[in-house]
Amino acid sequence: KFIVISQNVEEEGVNIPAGDIYYAENKKHVSWS
């Protein structure tokens, strides 16, 4: 749920844990910065 593991290490946002996880308007928002 909190990380995208990928062999394509040049892809943005992969292989790093989620930076922000918050809930708003009954939706879960996850951001990988």
PDB file of all heavy atoms in Angstrom:
ATOM      1  N   LYS A   1       0.776  -1.235   0.000  1.00  0.00           N
ATOM      2  CA  LYS A   1       0.000   0.000   0.000  1.00  0.00           C
ATOM      3  C   LYS A   1       0.811   1.290   0.000  1.00  0.00           C
ATOM      4  O   LYS A   1       0.272   2.343  -0.305  1.00  0.00           O
ATOM      5  CB  LYS A   1      -0.922   0.018   1.219  1.00  0.00           C
ATOM      6  CG  LYS A   1      -1.937  -1.099   1.195  1.00  0.00           C
ATOM      7  CD  LYS A   1      -2.896  -1.016   2.321  1.00  0.00           C
ATOM      8  CE  LYS A   1      -3.893  -2.158   2.213  1.00  0.00           C
ATOM      9  NZ  LYS A   1      -4.934  -2.083   3.183  1.00  0.00           N
ATOM     10  N   PHE A   2       2.082   1.232   0.347  1.00  0.00           N
ATOM     11  CA  PHE A   2       2.808   2.469   0.553  1.00  0.00           C
ATOM     12  C   PHE A   2       4.069   2.615  -0.279  1.00  0.00           C
ATOM     13  O   PHE A   2       4.828   3.550  -0.088  1.00  0.00           O
ATOM     14  CB  PHE A   2       3.171   2.617   2.040  1.00  0.00           C
ATOM     15  CG  PHE A   2       1.973   2.637   2.938  1.00  0.00           C
ATOM     16  CD1 PHE A   2       1.582   1.509   3.627  1.00  0.00           C
ATOM     17  CD2 PHE A   2       1.214   3.787   3.070  1.00  0.00           C
ATOM     18  CE1 PHE A   2       0.473   1.523   4.453  1.00  0.00           C
ATOM     19  CE2 PHE A   2       0.099   3.811   3.885  1.00  0.00           C
ATOM     20  CZ  PHE A   2      -0.272   2.680   4.580  1.00  0.00           C
ATOM     21  N   ILE A   3       4.315   1.685  -1.184  1.00  0.00           N
ATOM     22  CA  ILE A   3       5.502   1.778  -2.029  1.00  0.00           C
ATOM     23  C   ILE A   3       5.247   1.037  -3.336  1.00  0.00           C
ATOM     24  O   ILE A   3       4.508   0.051  -3.366  1.00  0.00           O
ATOM     25  CB  ILE A   3       6.752   1.214  -1.306  1.00  0.00           C
ATOM     26  CG1 ILE A   3       8.015   1.617  -2.033  1.00  0.00           C
ATOM     27  CG2 ILE A   3       6.672  -0.278  -1.127  1.00  0.00           C
ATOM     28  CD1 ILE A   3       9.270   1.410  -1.202  1.00  0.00           C
ATOM     29  N   VAL A   4       5.842   1.533  -4.405  1.00  0.00           N
ATOM     30  CA  VAL A   4       5.792   0.852  -5.694  1.00  0.00           C
ATOM     31  C   VAL A   4       7.208   0.392  -5.996  1.00  0.00           C
ATOM     32  O   VAL A   4       8.112   1.201  -6.158  1.00  0.00           O
ATOM     33  CB  VAL A   4       5.289   1.792  -6.814  1.00  0.00           C
ATOM     34  CG1 VAL A   4       5.361   1.112  -8.162  1.00  0.00           C
ATOM     35  CG2 VAL A   4       3.879   2.266  -6.518  1.00  0.00           C
ATOM     36  N   ILE A   5       7.403  -0.913  -6.018  1.00  0.00           N
ATOM     37  CA  ILE A   5       8.721  -1.476  -6.284  1.00  0.00           C
ATOM     38  C   ILE A   5       8.785  -1.839  -7.759  1.00  0.00           C
ATOM     39  O   ILE A   5       7.924  -2.552  -8.271  1.00  0.00           O
ATOM     40  CB  ILE A   5       8.980  -2.705  -5.395  1.00  0.00           C
ATOM     41  CG1 ILE A   5       8.905  -2.292  -3.932  1.00  0.00           C
ATOM     42  CG2 ILE A   5      10.324  -3.329  -5.718  1.00  0.00           C
ATOM     43  CD1 ILE A   5       8.897  -3.431  -2.958  1.00  0.00           C
ATOM     44  N   SER A   6       9.808  -1.306  -8.428  1.00  0.00           N
ATOM     45  CA  SER A   6       9.910  -1.506  -9.865  1.00  0.00           C
ATOM     46  C   SER A   6      11.363  -1.664 -10.285  1.00  0.00           C
ATOM     47  O   SER A   6      12.255  -1.036  -9.714  1.00  0.00           O
ATOM     48  CB  SER A   6       9.295  -0.307 -10.593  1.00  0.00           C
ATOM     49  OG  SER A   6       9.532  -0.374 -11.971  1.00  0.00           O
ATOM     50  N   GLN A   7      11.578  -2.495 -11.313  1.00  0.00           N
ATOM     51  CA  GLN A   7      12.915  -2.632 -11.888  1.00  0.00           C
ATOM     52  C   GLN A   7      13.304  -1.394 -12.670  1.00  0.00           C
ATOM     53  O   GLN A   7      14.483  -1.111 -12.844  1.00  0.00           O
ATOM     54  CB  GLN A   7      12.967  -3.845 -12.809  1.00  0.00           C
ATOM     55  CG  GLN A   7      12.831  -5.157 -12.107  1.00  0.00           C
ATOM     56  CD  GLN A   7      12.864  -6.315 -13.083  1.00  0.00           C
ATOM     57  OE1 GLN A   7      12.849  -6.135 -14.297  1.00  0.00           O
ATOM     58  NE2 GLN A   7      12.907  -7.522 -12.545  1.00  0.00           N
ATOM     59  N   ASN A   8      12.320  -0.664 -13.145  1.00  0.00           N
ATOM     60  CA  ASN A   8      12.575   0.566 -13.896  1.00  0.00           C
ATOM     61  C   ASN A   8      12.889   1.677 -12.894  1.00  0.00           C
ATOM     62  O   ASN A   8      12.022   2.465 -12.524  1.00  0.00           O
ATOM     63  CB  ASN A   8      11.366   0.918 -14.754  1.00  0.00           C
ATOM     64  CG  ASN A   8      11.616   2.138 -15.617  1.00  0.00           C
ATOM     65  OD1 ASN A   8      12.720   2.656 -15.681  1.00  0.00           O
ATOM     66  ND2 ASN A   8      10.572   2.585 -16.280  1.00  0.00           N
ATOM     67  N   VAL A   9      14.132   1.743 -12.474  1.00  0.00           N
ATOM     68  CA  VAL A   9      14.520   2.654 -11.396  1.00  0.00           C
ATOM     69  C   VAL A   9      14.541   4.112 -11.831  1.00  0.00           C
ATOM     70  O   VAL A   9      14.625   5.008 -10.990  1.00  0.00           O
ATOM     71  CB  VAL A   9      15.887   2.262 -10.795  1.00  0.00           C
ATOM     72  CG1 VAL A   9      15.794   0.910 -10.132  1.00  0.00           C
ATOM     73  CG2 VAL A   9      16.973   2.281 -11.857  1.00  0.00           C
ATOM     74  N   GLU A  10      14.453   4.382 -13.142  1.00  0.00           N
ATOM     75  CA  GLU A  10      14.435   5.762 -13.621  1.00  0.00           C
ATOM     76  C   GLU A  10      13.028   6.360 -13.608  1.00  0.00           C
ATOM     77  O   GLU A  10      12.861   7.554 -13.799  1.00  0.00           O
ATOM     78  CB  GLU A  10      15.020   5.847 -15.039  1.00  0.00           C
ATOM     79  CG  GLU A  10      16.499   5.564 -15.093  1.00  0.00           C
ATOM     80  CD  GLU A  10      17.310   6.600 -14.321  1.00  0.00           C
ATOM     81  OE1 GLU A  10      17.030   7.801 -14.428  1.00  0.00           O
ATOM     82  OE2 GLU A  10      18.224   6.179 -13.590  1.00  0.00           O
ATOM     83  N   GLU A  11      12.042   5.546 -13.372  1.00  0.00           N
ATOM     84  CA  GLU A  11      10.661   6.029 -13.332  1.00  0.00           C
ATOM     85  C   GLU A  11      10.439   6.845 -12.067  1.00  0.00           C
ATOM     86  O   GLU A  11      10.880   6.467 -10.978  1.00  0.00           O
ATOM     87  CB  GLU A  11       9.714   4.832 -13.364  1.00  0.00           C
ATOM     88  CG  GLU A  11       8.264   5.189 -13.486  1.00  0.00           C
ATOM     89  CD  GLU A  11       7.388   3.940 -13.535  1.00  0.00           C
ATOM     90  OE1 GLU A  11       7.917   2.827 -13.582  1.00  0.00           O
ATOM     91  OE2 GLU A  11       6.166   4.111 -13.513  1.00  0.00           O
ATOM     92  N   GLU A  12       9.771   7.969 -12.193  1.00  0.00           N
ATOM     93  CA  GLU A  12       9.547   8.839 -11.043  1.00  0.00           C
ATOM     94  C   GLU A  12       8.631   8.182 -10.027  1.00  0.00           C
ATOM     95  O   GLU A  12       7.626   7.579 -10.371  1.00  0.00           O
ATOM     96  CB  GLU A  12       8.937  10.164 -11.489  1.00  0.00           C
ATOM     97  CG  GLU A  12       9.868  10.999 -12.326  1.00  0.00           C
ATOM     98  CD  GLU A  12       9.222  12.295 -12.783  1.00  0.00           C
ATOM     99  OE1 GLU A  12       8.043  12.550 -12.446  1.00  0.00           O
ATOM    100  OE2 GLU A  12       9.895  13.048 -13.488  1.00  0.00           O
ATOM    101  N   GLY A  13       8.982   8.293  -8.759  1.00  0.00           N
ATOM    102  CA  GLY A  13       8.135   7.843  -7.671  1.00  0.00           C
ATOM    103  C   GLY A  13       8.250   6.388  -7.286  1.00  0.00           C
ATOM    104  O   GLY A  13       7.633   5.972  -6.310  1.00  0.00           O
ATOM    105  N   VAL A  14       9.032   5.605  -8.019  1.00  0.00           N
ATOM    106  CA  VAL A  14       9.137   4.190  -7.674  1.00  0.00           C
ATOM    107  C   VAL A  14      10.282   3.955  -6.697  1.00  0.00           C
ATOM    108  O   VAL A  14      11.234   4.732  -6.628  1.00  0.00           O
ATOM    109  CB  VAL A  14       9.320   3.295  -8.923  1.00  0.00           C
ATOM    110  CG1 VAL A  14       8.134   3.415  -9.852  1.00  0.00           C
ATOM    111  CG2 VAL A  14      10.614   3.608  -9.650  1.00  0.00           C
ATOM    112  N   ASN A  15      10.151   2.899  -5.919  1.00  0.00           N
ATOM    113  CA  ASN A  15      11.163   2.429  -4.979  1.00  0.00           C
ATOM    114  C   ASN A  15      11.435   3.410  -3.843  1.00  0.00           C
ATOM    115  O   ASN A  15      12.484   3.367  -3.217  1.00  0.00           O
ATOM    116  CB  ASN A  15      12.469   2.084  -5.701  1.00  0.00           C
ATOM    117  CG  ASN A  15      12.256   1.046  -6.771  1.00  0.00           C
ATOM    118  OD1 ASN A  15      11.572   0.060  -6.552  1.00  0.00           O
ATOM    119  ND2 ASN A  15      12.824   1.273  -7.933  1.00  0.00           N
ATOM    120  N   ILE A  16      10.505   4.279  -3.597  1.00  0.00           N
ATOM    121  CA  ILE A  16      10.579   5.164  -2.436  1.00  0.00           C
ATOM    122  C   ILE A  16       9.233   5.096  -1.711  1.00  0.00           C
ATOM    123  O   ILE A  16       8.192   4.973  -2.343  1.00  0.00           O
ATOM    124  CB  ILE A  16      10.919   6.625  -2.808  1.00  0.00           C
ATOM    125  CG1 ILE A  16       9.906   7.206  -3.782  1.00  0.00           C
ATOM    126  CG2 ILE A  16      12.314   6.730  -3.374  1.00  0.00           C
ATOM    127  CD1 ILE A  16      10.123   8.676  -4.092  1.00  0.00           C
ATOM    128  N   PRO A  17       9.243   5.141  -0.380  1.00  0.00           N
ATOM    129  CA  PRO A  17       7.972   5.058   0.351  1.00  0.00           C
ATOM    130  C   PRO A  17       7.126   6.312   0.133  1.00  0.00           C
ATOM    131  O   PRO A  17       7.641   7.385  -0.185  1.00  0.00           O
ATOM    132  CB  PRO A  17       8.397   4.924   1.813  1.00  0.00           C
ATOM    133  CG  PRO A  17       9.822   5.300   1.862  1.00  0.00           C
ATOM    134  CD  PRO A  17      10.393   5.194   0.499  1.00  0.00           C
ATOM    135  N   ALA A  18       5.831   6.144   0.311  1.00  0.00           N
ATOM    136  CA  ALA A  18       4.909   7.267   0.139  1.00  0.00           C
ATOM    137  C   ALA A  18       5.244   8.376   1.113  1.00  0.00           C
ATOM    138  O   ALA A  18       5.557   8.130   2.277  1.00  0.00           O
ATOM    139  CB  ALA A  18       3.470   6.801   0.346  1.00  0.00           C
ATOM    140  N   GLY A  19       5.202   9.600   0.613  1.00  0.00           N
ATOM    141  CA  GLY A  19       5.530  10.747   1.454  1.00  0.00           C
ATOM    142  C   GLY A  19       4.354  11.238   2.272  1.00  0.00           C
ATOM    143  O   GLY A  19       4.501  11.575   3.438  1.00  0.00           O
ATOM    144  N   ASP A  20       3.186  11.279   1.667  1.00  0.00           N
ATOM    145  CA  ASP A  20       2.000  11.792   2.342  1.00  0.00           C
ATOM    146  C   ASP A  20       0.829  10.851   2.112  1.00  0.00           C
ATOM    147  O   ASP A  20       0.568  10.439   0.987  1.00  0.00           O
ATOM    148  CB  ASP A  20       1.621  13.180   1.811  1.00  0.00           C
ATOM    149  CG  ASP A  20       2.681  14.213   2.084  1.00  0.00           C
ATOM    150  OD1 ASP A  20       3.136  14.282   3.231  1.00  0.00           O
ATOM    151  OD2 ASP A  20       3.062  14.943   1.150  1.00  0.00           O
ATOM    152  N   ILE A  21       0.132  10.541   3.186  1.00  0.00           N
ATOM    153  CA  ILE A  21      -1.075   9.734   3.107  1.00  0.00           C
ATOM    154  C   ILE A  21      -2.120  10.436   3.947  1.00  0.00           C
ATOM    155  O   ILE A  21      -1.916  10.671   5.132  1.00  0.00           O
ATOM    156  CB  ILE A  21      -0.837   8.310   3.635  1.00  0.00           C
ATOM    157  CG1 ILE A  21       0.272   7.651   2.826  1.00  0.00           C
ATOM    158  CG2 ILE A  21      -2.122   7.496   3.576  1.00  0.00           C
ATOM    159  CD1 ILE A  21       0.788   6.384   3.437  1.00  0.00           C
ATOM    160  N   TYR A  22      -3.211  10.838   3.315  1.00  0.00           N
ATOM    161  CA  TYR A  22      -4.250  11.526   4.062  1.00  0.00           C
ATOM    162  C   TYR A  22      -5.614  11.196   3.459  1.00  0.00           C
ATOM    163  O   TYR A  22      -5.713  10.729   2.334  1.00  0.00           O
ATOM    164  CB  TYR A  22      -4.007  13.035   4.085  1.00  0.00           C
ATOM    165  CG  TYR A  22      -3.918  13.681   2.723  1.00  0.00           C
ATOM    166  CD1 TYR A  22      -5.041  14.244   2.125  1.00  0.00           C
ATOM    167  CD2 TYR A  22      -2.715  13.722   2.026  1.00  0.00           C
ATOM    168  CE1 TYR A  22      -4.967  14.826   0.883  1.00  0.00           C
ATOM    169  CE2 TYR A  22      -2.634  14.310   0.782  1.00  0.00           C
ATOM    170  CZ  TYR A  22      -3.762  14.859   0.218  1.00  0.00           C
ATOM    171  OH  TYR A  22      -3.673  15.427  -1.028  1.00  0.00           O
ATOM    172  N   TYR A  23      -6.622  11.426   4.245  1.00  0.00           N
ATOM    173  CA  TYR A  23      -7.993  11.146   3.830  1.00  0.00           C
ATOM    174  C   TYR A  23      -8.762  12.453   3.747  1.00  0.00           C
ATOM    175  O   TYR A  23      -8.721  13.267   4.661  1.00  0.00           O
ATOM    176  CB  TYR A  23      -8.670  10.206   4.831  1.00  0.00           C
ATOM    177  CG  TYR A  23      -8.008   8.857   4.905  1.00  0.00           C
ATOM    178  CD1 TYR A  23      -6.952   8.620   5.774  1.00  0.00           C
ATOM    179  CD2 TYR A  23      -8.441   7.824   4.082  1.00  0.00           C
ATOM    180  CE1 TYR A  23      -6.343   7.380   5.827  1.00  0.00           C
ATOM    181  CE2 TYR A  23      -7.835   6.577   4.134  1.00  0.00           C
ATOM    182  CZ  TYR A  23      -6.791   6.370   5.010  1.00  0.00           C
ATOM    183  OH  TYR A  23      -6.176   5.150   5.067  1.00  0.00           O
ATOM    184  N   ALA A  24      -9.433  12.637   2.633  1.00  0.00           N
ATOM    185  CA  ALA A  24     -10.263  13.827   2.457  1.00  0.00           C
ATOM    186  C   ALA A  24     -11.476  13.442   1.619  1.00  0.00           C
ATOM    187  O   ALA A  24     -11.344  12.734   0.623  1.00  0.00           O
ATOM    188  CB  ALA A  24      -9.474  14.933   1.768  1.00  0.00           C
ATOM    189  N   GLU A  25     -12.620  13.896   2.035  1.00  0.00           N
ATOM    190  CA  GLU A  25     -13.872  13.653   1.319  1.00  0.00           C
ATOM    191  C   GLU A  25     -14.074  12.162   1.025  1.00  0.00           C
ATOM    192  O   GLU A  25     -14.381  11.758  -0.084  1.00  0.00           O
ATOM    193  CB  GLU A  25     -13.894  14.452   0.015  1.00  0.00           C
ATOM    194  CG  GLU A  25     -13.764  15.936   0.223  1.00  0.00           C
ATOM    195  CD  GLU A  25     -13.561  16.689  -1.083  1.00  0.00           C
ATOM    196  OE1 GLU A  25     -13.625  16.054  -2.157  1.00  0.00           O
ATOM    197  OE2 GLU A  25     -13.347  17.900  -1.021  1.00  0.00           O
ATOM    198  N   ASN A  26     -13.862  11.339   2.042  1.00  0.00           N
ATOM    199  CA  ASN A  26     -14.045   9.890   1.954  1.00  0.00           C
ATOM    200  C   ASN A  26     -13.154   9.228   0.904  1.00  0.00           C
ATOM    201  O   ASN A  26     -13.487   8.172   0.376  1.00  0.00           O
ATOM    202  CB  ASN A  26     -15.508   9.534   1.691  1.00  0.00           C
ATOM    203  CG  ASN A  26     -16.390   9.947   2.841  1.00  0.00           C
ATOM    204  OD1 ASN A  26     -15.971   9.905   3.994  1.00  0.00           O
ATOM    205  ND2 ASN A  26     -17.610  10.349   2.538  1.00  0.00           N
ATOM    206  N   LYS A  27     -12.044   9.880   0.557  1.00  0.00           N
ATOM    207  CA  LYS A  27     -11.095   9.299  -0.384  1.00  0.00           C
ATOM    208  C   LYS A  27      -9.713   9.293   0.237  1.00  0.00           C
ATOM    209  O   LYS A  27      -9.345  10.199   0.973  1.00  0.00           O
ATOM    210  CB  LYS A  27     -11.056  10.097  -1.685  1.00  0.00           C
ATOM    211  CG  LYS A  27     -12.294   9.981  -2.525  1.00  0.00           C
ATOM    212  CD  LYS A  27     -12.121  10.710  -3.824  1.00  0.00           C
ATOM    213  CE  LYS A  27     -13.367  10.586  -4.687  1.00  0.00           C
ATOM    214  NZ  LYS A  27     -13.211  11.302  -5.952  1.00  0.00           N
ATOM    215  N   LYS A  28      -8.975   8.277  -0.101  1.00  0.00           N
ATOM    216  CA  LYS A  28      -7.584   8.179   0.382  1.00  0.00           C
ATOM    217  C   LYS A  28      -6.675   8.787  -0.675  1.00  0.00           C
ATOM    218  O   LYS A  28      -6.752   8.443  -1.846  1.00  0.00           O
ATOM    219  CB  LYS A  28      -7.229   6.719   0.616  1.00  0.00           C
ATOM    220  CG  LYS A  28      -5.830   6.503   1.102  1.00  0.00           C
ATOM    221  CD  LYS A  28      -5.582   5.020   1.319  1.00  0.00           C
ATOM    222  CE  LYS A  28      -4.174   4.755   1.746  1.00  0.00           C
ATOM    223  NZ  LYS A  28      -3.910   3.333   1.904  1.00  0.00           N
ATOM    224  N   HIS A  29      -5.821   9.685  -0.251  1.00  0.00           N
ATOM    225  CA  HIS A  29      -4.870  10.331  -1.150  1.00  0.00           C
ATOM    226  C   HIS A  29      -3.464   9.945  -0.710  1.00  0.00           C
ATOM    227  O   HIS A  29      -3.087  10.128   0.438  1.00  0.00           O
ATOM    228  CB  HIS A  29      -5.020  11.854  -1.110  1.00  0.00           C
ATOM    229  CG  HIS A  29      -6.363  12.320  -1.555  1.00  0.00           C
ATOM    230  ND1 HIS A  29      -6.695  12.482  -2.875  1.00  0.00           N
ATOM    231  CD2 HIS A  29      -7.476  12.632  -0.851  1.00  0.00           C
ATOM    232  CE1 HIS A  29      -7.947  12.899  -2.971  1.00  0.00           C
ATOM    233  NE2 HIS A  29      -8.448  12.993  -1.749  1.00  0.00           N
ATOM    234  N   VAL A  30      -2.707   9.404  -1.642  1.00  0.00           N
ATOM    235  CA  VAL A  30      -1.330   9.013  -1.372  1.00  0.00           C
ATOM    236  C   VAL A  30      -0.456   9.733  -2.380  1.00  0.00           C
ATOM    237  O   VAL A  30      -0.753   9.738  -3.576  1.00  0.00           O
ATOM    238  CB  VAL A  30      -1.140   7.484  -1.514  1.00  0.00           C
ATOM    239  CG1 VAL A  30       0.290   7.087  -1.210  1.00  0.00           C
ATOM    240  CG2 VAL A  30      -2.106   6.740  -0.628  1.00  0.00           C
ATOM    241  N   SER A  31       0.603  10.358  -1.895  1.00  0.00           N
ATOM    242  CA  SER A  31       1.499  11.038  -2.828  1.00  0.00           C
ATOM    243  C   SER A  31       2.923  10.556  -2.633  1.00  0.00           C
ATOM    244  O   SER A  31       3.378  10.366  -1.515  1.00  0.00           O
ATOM    245  CB  SER A  31       1.420  12.554  -2.646  1.00  0.00           C
ATOM    246  OG  SER A  31       1.997  12.937  -1.422  1.00  0.00           O
ATOM    247  N   TRP A  32       3.570  10.337  -3.736  1.00  0.00           N
ATOM    248  CA  TRP A  32       4.973   9.965  -3.744  1.00  0.00           C
ATOM    249  C   TRP A  32       5.735  11.160  -4.282  1.00  0.00           C
ATOM    250  O   TRP A  32       5.627  11.497  -5.450  1.00  0.00           O
ATOM    251  CB  TRP A  32       5.211   8.769  -4.661  1.00  0.00           C
ATOM    252  CG  TRP A  32       4.817   7.474  -4.078  1.00  0.00           C
ATOM    253  CD1 TRP A  32       5.621   6.611  -3.431  1.00  0.00           C
ATOM    254  CD2 TRP A  32       3.520   6.873  -4.073  1.00  0.00           C
ATOM    255  NE1 TRP A  32       4.925   5.510  -3.020  1.00  0.00           N
ATOM    256  CE2 TRP A  32       3.619   5.643  -3.408  1.00  0.00           C
ATOM    257  CE3 TRP A  32       2.278   7.252  -4.557  1.00  0.00           C
ATOM    258  CZ2 TRP A  32       2.553   4.798  -3.221  1.00  0.00           C
ATOM    259  CZ3 TRP A  32       1.209   6.416  -4.374  1.00  0.00           C
ATOM    260  CH2 TRP A  32       1.351   5.205  -3.713  1.00  0.00           C
ATOM    261  N   SER A  33       6.478  11.781  -3.431  1.00  0.00           N
ATOM    262  CA  SER A  33       7.269  12.916  -3.884  1.00  0.00           C
ATOM    263  C   SER A  33       8.729  12.507  -3.936  1.00  0.00           C
ATOM    264  O   SER A  33       9.180  11.671  -3.153  1.00  0.00           O
ATOM    265  CB  SER A  33       7.088  14.102  -2.942  1.00  0.00           C
ATOM    266  OG  SER A  33       7.570  13.775  -1.654  1.00  0.00           O
TER     267      SER A  33
END
